[in-house]
Amino acid sequence: MINITPSSAKAIKQKLSKRENKNAYLRLGVKGSGCSGMMYVIEFDDEMPREKDIAMMYDTGIQVVVDNKSIKYLDGMTLDYSNNLMKQGFEIKNPNEASRCGCGKSFEPKQ
């Protein structure tokens, strides 16, 4: 399960409302990259979810889709959103991280 804070739900809804495809959703995943080994992928997708994707519908009406290979790295994470003078954007709090690189772009998963 992926947790979504109220501030991230508001930001997701706002961004989805600007898309032409009203069936668009938030796609989360990981890919091998960066100095720590893995990098988060956060994107809005208009295509139908793939056959092995895991789709989660929230009571806010938001659909989040994760590919089946990424879910083991993302299960239990919290997606938050900050909008202040220091930072604007999504922030991931993931209990599956062993460490993060200094720039915060990539992470090393727990074994």
C-alpha atoms as a PDB file:
ATOM      1  CA  MET A   1       0.000   0.000   0.000  1.00  0.00           C
ATOM      2  CA  ILE A   2       1.154   3.500  -0.794  1.00  0.00           C
ATOM      3  CA  ASN A   3       0.092   6.326   1.500  1.00  0.00           C
ATOM      4  CA  ILE A   4      -0.853   9.720   0.102  1.00  0.00           C
ATOM      5  CA  THR A   5      -0.980  12.797   2.324  1.00  0.00           C
ATOM      6  CA  PRO A   6      -3.782  15.346   1.922  1.00  0.00           C
ATOM      7  CA  SER A   7      -1.312  17.885   0.458  1.00  0.00           C
ATOM      8  CA  SER A   8      -0.099  15.400  -2.174  1.00  0.00           C
ATOM      9  CA  ALA A   9      -3.692  14.402  -3.007  1.00  0.00           C
ATOM     10  CA  LYS A  10      -4.530  18.067  -3.593  1.00  0.00           C
ATOM     11  CA  ALA A  11      -1.462  18.536  -5.828  1.00  0.00           C
ATOM     12  CA  ILE A  12      -2.184  15.345  -7.791  1.00  0.00           C
ATOM     13  CA  LYS A  13      -5.817  16.353  -8.364  1.00  0.00           C
ATOM     14  CA  GLN A  14      -4.758  19.815  -9.469  1.00  0.00           C
ATOM     15  CA  LYS A  15      -2.226  18.438 -11.969  1.00  0.00           C
ATOM     16  CA  LEU A  16      -4.627  15.775 -13.269  1.00  0.00           C
ATOM     17  CA  SER A  17      -7.363  18.380 -13.804  1.00  0.00           C
ATOM     18  CA  LYS A  18      -5.125  20.130 -16.353  1.00  0.00           C
ATOM     19  CA  ARG A  19      -4.764  17.024 -18.525  1.00  0.00           C
ATOM     20  CA  GLU A  20      -6.969  16.435 -21.553  1.00  0.00           C
ATOM     21  CA  ASN A  21      -7.462  12.754 -20.715  1.00  0.00           C
ATOM     22  CA  LYS A  22      -9.762  12.680 -17.679  1.00  0.00           C
ATOM     23  CA  ASN A  23      -8.762   9.024 -17.087  1.00  0.00           C
ATOM     24  CA  ALA A  24      -5.123   9.970 -16.483  1.00  0.00           C
ATOM     25  CA  TYR A  25      -3.476   8.731 -13.298  1.00  0.00           C
ATOM     26  CA  LEU A  26      -0.278   9.001 -11.287  1.00  0.00           C
ATOM     27  CA  ARG A  27       2.347   6.365 -12.074  1.00  0.00           C
ATOM     28  CA  LEU A  28       5.020   5.588  -9.478  1.00  0.00           C
ATOM     29  CA  GLY A  29       7.997   3.321  -9.965  1.00  0.00           C
ATOM     30  CA  VAL A  30      11.720   2.867  -9.594  1.00  0.00           C
ATOM     31  CA  LYS A  31      14.491   2.333 -12.104  1.00  0.00           C
ATOM     32  CA  GLY A  32      18.150   1.484 -11.832  1.00  0.00           C
ATOM     33  CA  SER A  33      20.029   4.775 -11.915  1.00  0.00           C
ATOM     34  CA  GLY A  34      21.895   7.349  -9.881  1.00  0.00           C
ATOM     35  CA  CYS A  35      24.821   7.057  -7.528  1.00  0.00           C
ATOM     36  CA  SER A  36      22.932   4.947  -4.953  1.00  0.00           C
ATOM     37  CA  GLY A  37      21.493   2.415  -7.376  1.00  0.00           C
ATOM     38  CA  MET A  38      17.798   3.235  -7.786  1.00  0.00           C
ATOM     39  CA  MET A  39      15.819   6.318  -8.727  1.00  0.00           C
ATOM     40  CA  TYR A  40      12.148   7.120  -8.196  1.00  0.00           C
ATOM     41  CA  VAL A  41       9.874   7.662 -11.181  1.00  0.00           C
ATOM     42  CA  ILE A  42       6.853   9.919 -10.695  1.00  0.00           C
ATOM     43  CA  GLU A  43       4.820  10.741 -13.784  1.00  0.00           C
ATOM     44  CA  PHE A  44       1.307  11.287 -14.980  1.00  0.00           C
ATOM     45  CA  ASP A  45       0.138   8.704 -17.495  1.00  0.00           C
ATOM     46  CA  ASP A  46      -2.674   8.818 -20.041  1.00  0.00           C
ATOM     47  CA  GLU A  47      -2.260   5.261 -21.325  1.00  0.00           C
ATOM     48  CA  MET A  48      -4.227   2.301 -19.996  1.00  0.00           C
ATOM     49  CA  PRO A  49      -2.382   0.529 -17.163  1.00  0.00           C
ATOM     50  CA  ARG A  50      -0.391  -2.496 -18.301  1.00  0.00           C
ATOM     51  CA  GLU A  51      -1.580  -6.020 -17.568  1.00  0.00           C
ATOM     52  CA  LYS A  52       0.758  -6.619 -14.596  1.00  0.00           C
ATOM     53  CA  ASP A  53       0.449  -3.114 -13.119  1.00  0.00           C
ATOM     54  CA  ILE A  54      -0.994  -2.702  -9.659  1.00  0.00           C
ATOM     55  CA  ALA A  55      -3.698  -0.038  -9.581  1.00  0.00           C
ATOM     56  CA  MET A  56      -4.783   1.591  -6.324  1.00  0.00           C
ATOM     57  CA  MET A  57      -7.860   3.794  -6.091  1.00  0.00           C
ATOM     58  CA  TYR A  58      -8.090   6.231  -3.195  1.00  0.00           C
ATOM     59  CA  ASP A  59     -11.208   7.716  -1.628  1.00  0.00           C
ATOM     60  CA  THR A  60     -10.076  11.087  -3.003  1.00  0.00           C
ATOM     61  CA  GLY A  61     -10.767   9.742  -6.523  1.00  0.00           C
ATOM     62  CA  ILE A  62      -7.074   9.491  -7.367  1.00  0.00           C
ATOM     63  CA  GLN A  63      -5.729   6.414  -9.079  1.00  0.00           C
ATOM     64  CA  VAL A  64      -2.087   5.461  -8.500  1.00  0.00           C
ATOM     65  CA  VAL A  65      -0.471   2.764 -10.632  1.00  0.00           C
ATOM     66  CA  VAL A  66       2.771   0.924  -9.822  1.00  0.00           C
ATOM     67  CA  ASP A  67       4.442  -1.667 -12.021  1.00  0.00           C
ATOM     68  CA  ASN A  68       4.741  -5.093 -10.420  1.00  0.00           C
ATOM     69  CA  LYS A  69       8.568  -4.940 -10.243  1.00  0.00           C
ATOM     70  CA  SER A  70       8.598  -1.629  -8.357  1.00  0.00           C
ATOM     71  CA  ILE A  71       5.970  -2.427  -5.730  1.00  0.00           C
ATOM     72  CA  LYS A  72       8.422  -4.287  -3.473  1.00  0.00           C
ATOM     73  CA  TYR A  73      10.518  -1.108  -3.227  1.00  0.00           C
ATOM     74  CA  LEU A  74       7.532   1.223  -2.769  1.00  0.00           C
ATOM     75  CA  ASP A  75       5.190  -0.740  -0.508  1.00  0.00           C
ATOM     76  CA  GLY A  76       4.584   1.262   2.680  1.00  0.00           C
ATOM     77  CA  MET A  77       5.941   4.544   1.317  1.00  0.00           C
ATOM     78  CA  THR A  78       4.264   7.908   1.844  1.00  0.00           C
ATOM     79  CA  LEU A  79       3.952  10.462  -0.935  1.00  0.00           C
ATOM     80  CA  ASP A  80       3.883  14.018   0.380  1.00  0.00           C
ATOM     81  CA  TYR A  81       3.877  17.415  -1.316  1.00  0.00           C
ATOM     82  CA  SER A  82       5.644  20.560  -0.160  1.00  0.00           C
ATOM     83  CA  ASN A  83       4.977  24.066  -1.427  1.00  0.00           C
ATOM     84  CA  ASN A  84       7.038  26.575   0.497  1.00  0.00           C
ATOM     85  CA  LEU A  85       9.930  28.973  -0.075  1.00  0.00           C
ATOM     86  CA  MET A  86      12.534  26.225   0.311  1.00  0.00           C
ATOM     87  CA  LYS A  87      10.945  23.485  -1.743  1.00  0.00           C
ATOM     88  CA  GLN A  88       8.078  22.795  -4.094  1.00  0.00           C
ATOM     89  CA  GLY A  89       7.256  19.298  -5.256  1.00  0.00           C
ATOM     90  CA  PHE A  90       6.604  15.718  -4.278  1.00  0.00           C
ATOM     91  CA  GLU A  91       8.592  14.108  -1.503  1.00  0.00           C
ATOM     92  CA  ILE A  92       8.860  10.382  -0.882  1.00  0.00           C
ATOM     93  CA  LYS A  93       9.230   8.933   2.591  1.00  0.00           C
ATOM     94  CA  ASN A  94      10.105   5.294   2.073  1.00  0.00           C
ATOM     95  CA  PRO A  95      10.774   2.746   4.831  1.00  0.00           C
ATOM     96  CA  ASN A  96      12.382   0.502   2.192  1.00  0.00           C
ATOM     97  CA  GLU A  97      15.358   2.849   1.764  1.00  0.00           C
ATOM     98  CA  ALA A  98      18.656   1.818   3.333  1.00  0.00           C
ATOM     99  CA  SER A  99      20.222   5.161   2.357  1.00  0.00           C
ATOM    100  CA  ARG A 100      19.923   8.096  -0.049  1.00  0.00           C
ATOM    101  CA  CYS A 101      22.638   9.768  -2.051  1.00  0.00           C
ATOM    102  CA  GLY A 102      23.754  13.258  -1.043  1.00  0.00           C
ATOM    103  CA  CYS A 103      21.738  14.994  -3.762  1.00  0.00           C
ATOM    104  CA  GLY A 104      18.596  13.039  -2.862  1.00  0.00           C
ATOM    105  CA  LYS A 105      17.959  11.850  -6.422  1.00  0.00           C
ATOM    106  CA  SER A 106      18.628   8.164  -5.828  1.00  0.00           C
ATOM    107  CA  PHE A 107      18.457   5.594  -3.042  1.00  0.00           C
ATOM    108  CA  GLU A 108      19.777   2.237  -2.007  1.00  0.00           C
ATOM    109  CA  PRO A 109      17.035  -0.258  -1.140  1.00  0.00           C
ATOM    110  CA  LYS A 110      17.113  -2.377   1.998  1.00  0.00           C
ATOM    111  CA  GLN A 111      18.136  -5.947   1.286  1.00  0.00           C
END
